[in-house]
Structure formats: structure tokens, C-alpha cells
Amino acid sequence: MKRLFMTVLMLYVVIGMIAGYRAYFQIHSLNLNASDSVLRRGSTINTTIVSYARTHADVRVELIQGRHSEVIATQFVPGNNWGFMDPRIRQASKTAVLTEELLNRFEAGQGVLRATAVGREQWTRLPPPVVREVSVEIQP
């Protein structure tokens, strides 16, 4: 009986250690890709996020030029139902197509595409966001 108790206890310790890591580092990876380095009407922006799925995550994609910024796309990545016990990761992708209306709000020239992934507070700690940036040229 003592051996069974110790085995079950050790199993929960291992699960707890894995869950603790997943609570501390909530975003496994974030990728941001543009179809071309020159953005024009019809250009596509692709984001792929891999989350440890202990809790929810949000992704926001912005086009920035100087002090002007526009949100191109947002995405919600749900966590697993049993976040503590379920170690499976979640992967989500999103593709945004740039419209002429959006690009006309910018001037021709250099800009930055920025994707920001943010998890949720765990143990009264909000992990820092994961940010990816790509330099682009805007051509309205």
C-alpha cells in the first residue's frame, strides 16, 4: 500500500512540475510571415502560435508606421479544459489579407508588422508578451 501511495504521489509531483513550467512559459512559439516584403492590396499576413494551453492566449497583429498603428487581425487561442492535468499543446494559425482601404491610411514607405501574443495571469504573475516583428515597405 505504501508503494502504491508513493507511486501516485510521484506521478502528481511530475505532473505538477510540468504544469508549473506551462504556467510560467505560456507561449511556446509565435511566427509572423508576410507574403512579400512590399505590402500592397491583396498581400497576406500569416501568424502561427503554439501555446502550452494551460490557459487562454490572445494574438494581435498590427501594422505600424511612425506613430500610426492599425490592428490588422486578432486571434483567441483557447486553453485545454483540464489545464493543470492536460499537457497537450494547441496550435492556431490566422491569415489576414490587406485591403486597399487599410493601406490608404498609411503613407508609402517603411513600416513594421508586429505580432504580440499574451497569456493569462497564473499564480498572480502575468508572463511577458511574446513579440515578433517584420520590417516591410508599405505601398498604398
Protein backbone atom coordinates (compact mmCIF):
# COMPACT_ATOMS: atom_id res chain seq x y z
CA MET A 1 0.00 0.00 0.00
CA LYS A 2 2.86 2.36 0.84
CA ARG A 3 4.46 1.69 -2.55
CA LEU A 4 1.21 2.48 -4.37
CA PHE A 5 0.81 5.71 -2.41
CA MET A 6 4.39 6.78 -3.22
CA THR A 7 3.91 5.96 -6.93
CA VAL A 8 0.73 8.03 -7.12
CA LEU A 9 2.37 10.86 -5.18
CA MET A 10 5.39 10.90 -7.52
CA LEU A 11 3.09 10.89 -10.54
CA TYR A 12 1.34 14.01 -9.22
CA VAL A 13 4.68 15.68 -8.46
CA VAL A 14 5.83 15.13 -12.06
CA ILE A 15 2.50 16.38 -13.45
CA GLY A 16 2.74 19.42 -11.14
CA MET A 17 6.26 20.24 -12.32
CA ILE A 18 5.20 20.08 -15.96
CA ALA A 19 2.12 22.20 -15.21
CA GLY A 20 4.27 24.73 -13.36
CA TYR A 21 6.54 25.14 -16.37
CA ARG A 22 3.49 25.56 -18.62
CA ALA A 23 2.04 28.21 -16.28
CA TYR A 24 5.29 30.16 -16.26
CA PHE A 25 6.03 29.96 -20.01
CA GLN A 26 2.58 30.01 -21.62
CA ILE A 27 3.56 30.64 -25.25
CA HIS A 28 5.77 28.02 -26.89
CA SER A 29 6.31 29.88 -30.17
CA LEU A 30 4.93 32.65 -32.36
CA ASN A 31 5.66 33.06 -36.07
CA LEU A 32 4.85 36.05 -38.26
CA ASN A 33 5.21 35.97 -42.04
CA ALA A 34 4.23 38.37 -44.81
CA SER A 35 3.66 37.15 -48.35
CA ASP A 36 6.07 39.81 -49.61
CA SER A 37 8.38 42.44 -48.14
CA VAL A 38 6.39 45.09 -50.04
CA LEU A 39 2.82 45.31 -48.73
CA ARG A 40 0.14 46.16 -51.28
CA ARG A 41 -3.53 45.36 -51.76
CA GLY A 42 -4.03 41.61 -51.50
CA SER A 43 -0.84 40.91 -49.53
CA THR A 44 -1.32 38.27 -46.86
CA ILE A 45 -0.05 38.22 -43.30
CA ASN A 46 0.24 34.79 -41.64
CA THR A 47 0.60 34.13 -37.93
CA THR A 48 1.07 30.80 -36.21
CA ILE A 49 1.03 30.40 -32.45
CA VAL A 50 1.84 27.33 -30.39
CA SER A 51 0.53 27.60 -26.85
CA TYR A 52 1.10 25.27 -23.91
CA ALA A 53 -2.69 25.62 -23.44
CA ARG A 54 -2.72 25.70 -19.67
CA THR A 55 -4.81 28.84 -20.13
CA HIS A 56 -6.07 31.06 -22.95
CA ALA A 57 -3.87 33.25 -25.13
CA ASP A 58 -4.53 36.24 -27.38
CA VAL A 59 -2.65 37.28 -30.51
CA ARG A 60 -2.78 40.77 -32.02
CA VAL A 61 -1.22 41.71 -35.37
CA GLU A 62 -0.51 45.39 -36.07
CA LEU A 63 0.89 47.42 -38.94
CA ILE A 64 2.96 50.31 -37.59
CA GLN A 65 4.43 53.30 -39.40
CA GLY A 66 5.90 56.03 -37.24
CA ARG A 67 3.23 56.99 -34.73
CA HIS A 68 0.36 55.50 -36.76
CA SER A 69 -0.75 51.98 -35.92
CA GLU A 70 -3.63 49.80 -37.15
CA VAL A 71 -4.72 46.41 -35.84
CA ILE A 72 -4.87 44.01 -38.78
CA ALA A 73 -6.06 40.88 -37.01
CA THR A 74 -6.76 39.40 -33.59
CA GLN A 75 -6.98 35.80 -32.54
CA PHE A 76 -8.11 33.94 -29.41
CA VAL A 77 -6.44 30.61 -28.61
CA PRO A 78 -8.39 28.61 -26.03
CA GLY A 79 -6.72 26.60 -23.32
CA ASN A 80 -7.35 22.95 -22.52
CA ASN A 81 -10.37 22.11 -20.37
CA TRP A 82 -8.19 20.47 -17.70
CA GLY A 83 -5.27 22.90 -17.99
CA PHE A 84 -3.35 21.56 -14.99
CA MET A 85 -3.54 17.90 -15.98
CA ASP A 86 -3.62 18.11 -19.79
CA PRO A 87 -0.10 18.69 -21.20
CA ARG A 88 -1.16 18.87 -24.87
CA ILE A 89 -0.21 21.98 -26.80
CA ARG A 90 -2.56 23.96 -29.03
CA GLN A 91 -1.59 25.40 -32.38
CA ALA A 92 -3.56 28.05 -34.23
CA SER A 93 -2.97 29.95 -37.45
CA LYS A 94 -4.55 33.00 -38.97
CA THR A 95 -4.20 34.66 -42.36
CA ALA A 96 -5.15 38.30 -42.86
CA VAL A 97 -5.49 39.90 -46.30
CA LEU A 98 -4.61 43.57 -46.57
CA THR A 99 -7.24 45.78 -48.17
CA GLU A 100 -6.76 48.95 -50.17
CA GLU A 101 -8.81 50.85 -47.57
CA LEU A 102 -6.42 49.85 -44.78
CA LEU A 103 -3.27 50.63 -46.78
CA ASN A 104 -4.61 54.05 -47.84
CA ARG A 105 -4.44 55.12 -44.17
CA PHE A 106 -0.65 54.79 -44.39
CA GLU A 107 1.96 56.66 -46.39
CA ALA A 108 4.29 54.95 -48.84
CA GLY A 109 7.50 53.92 -47.09
CA GLN A 110 8.91 51.74 -44.36
CA GLY A 111 6.76 50.11 -41.70
CA VAL A 112 6.75 47.31 -39.20
CA LEU A 113 4.43 44.33 -38.83
CA ARG A 114 4.17 43.31 -35.18
CA ALA A 115 2.53 40.21 -33.71
CA THR A 116 2.03 40.13 -29.94
CA ALA A 117 0.94 37.01 -28.03
CA VAL A 118 -0.23 37.40 -24.43
CA GLY A 119 -1.22 34.67 -21.99
CA ARG A 120 -3.26 34.99 -18.81
CA GLU A 121 -2.29 35.58 -15.23
CA GLN A 122 -1.22 32.44 -13.37
CA TRP A 123 -0.14 32.47 -9.71
CA THR A 124 -0.58 36.28 -9.65
CA ARG A 125 2.05 36.59 -12.41
CA LEU A 126 1.32 37.78 -15.93
CA PRO A 127 4.07 36.48 -18.21
CA PRO A 128 5.71 38.98 -20.55
CA PRO A 129 4.24 39.07 -24.06
CA VAL A 130 5.94 37.25 -26.91
CA VAL A 131 6.56 39.75 -29.73
CA ARG A 132 7.67 39.16 -33.31
CA GLU A 133 8.38 41.98 -35.77
CA VAL A 134 9.00 42.08 -39.50
CA SER A 135 10.20 45.17 -41.39
CA VAL A 136 8.15 45.86 -44.51
CA GLU A 137 7.64 48.52 -47.14
CA ILE A 138 4.12 49.89 -47.47
CA GLN A 139 2.82 50.67 -50.93
CA PRO A 140 -0.76 52.04 -50.79
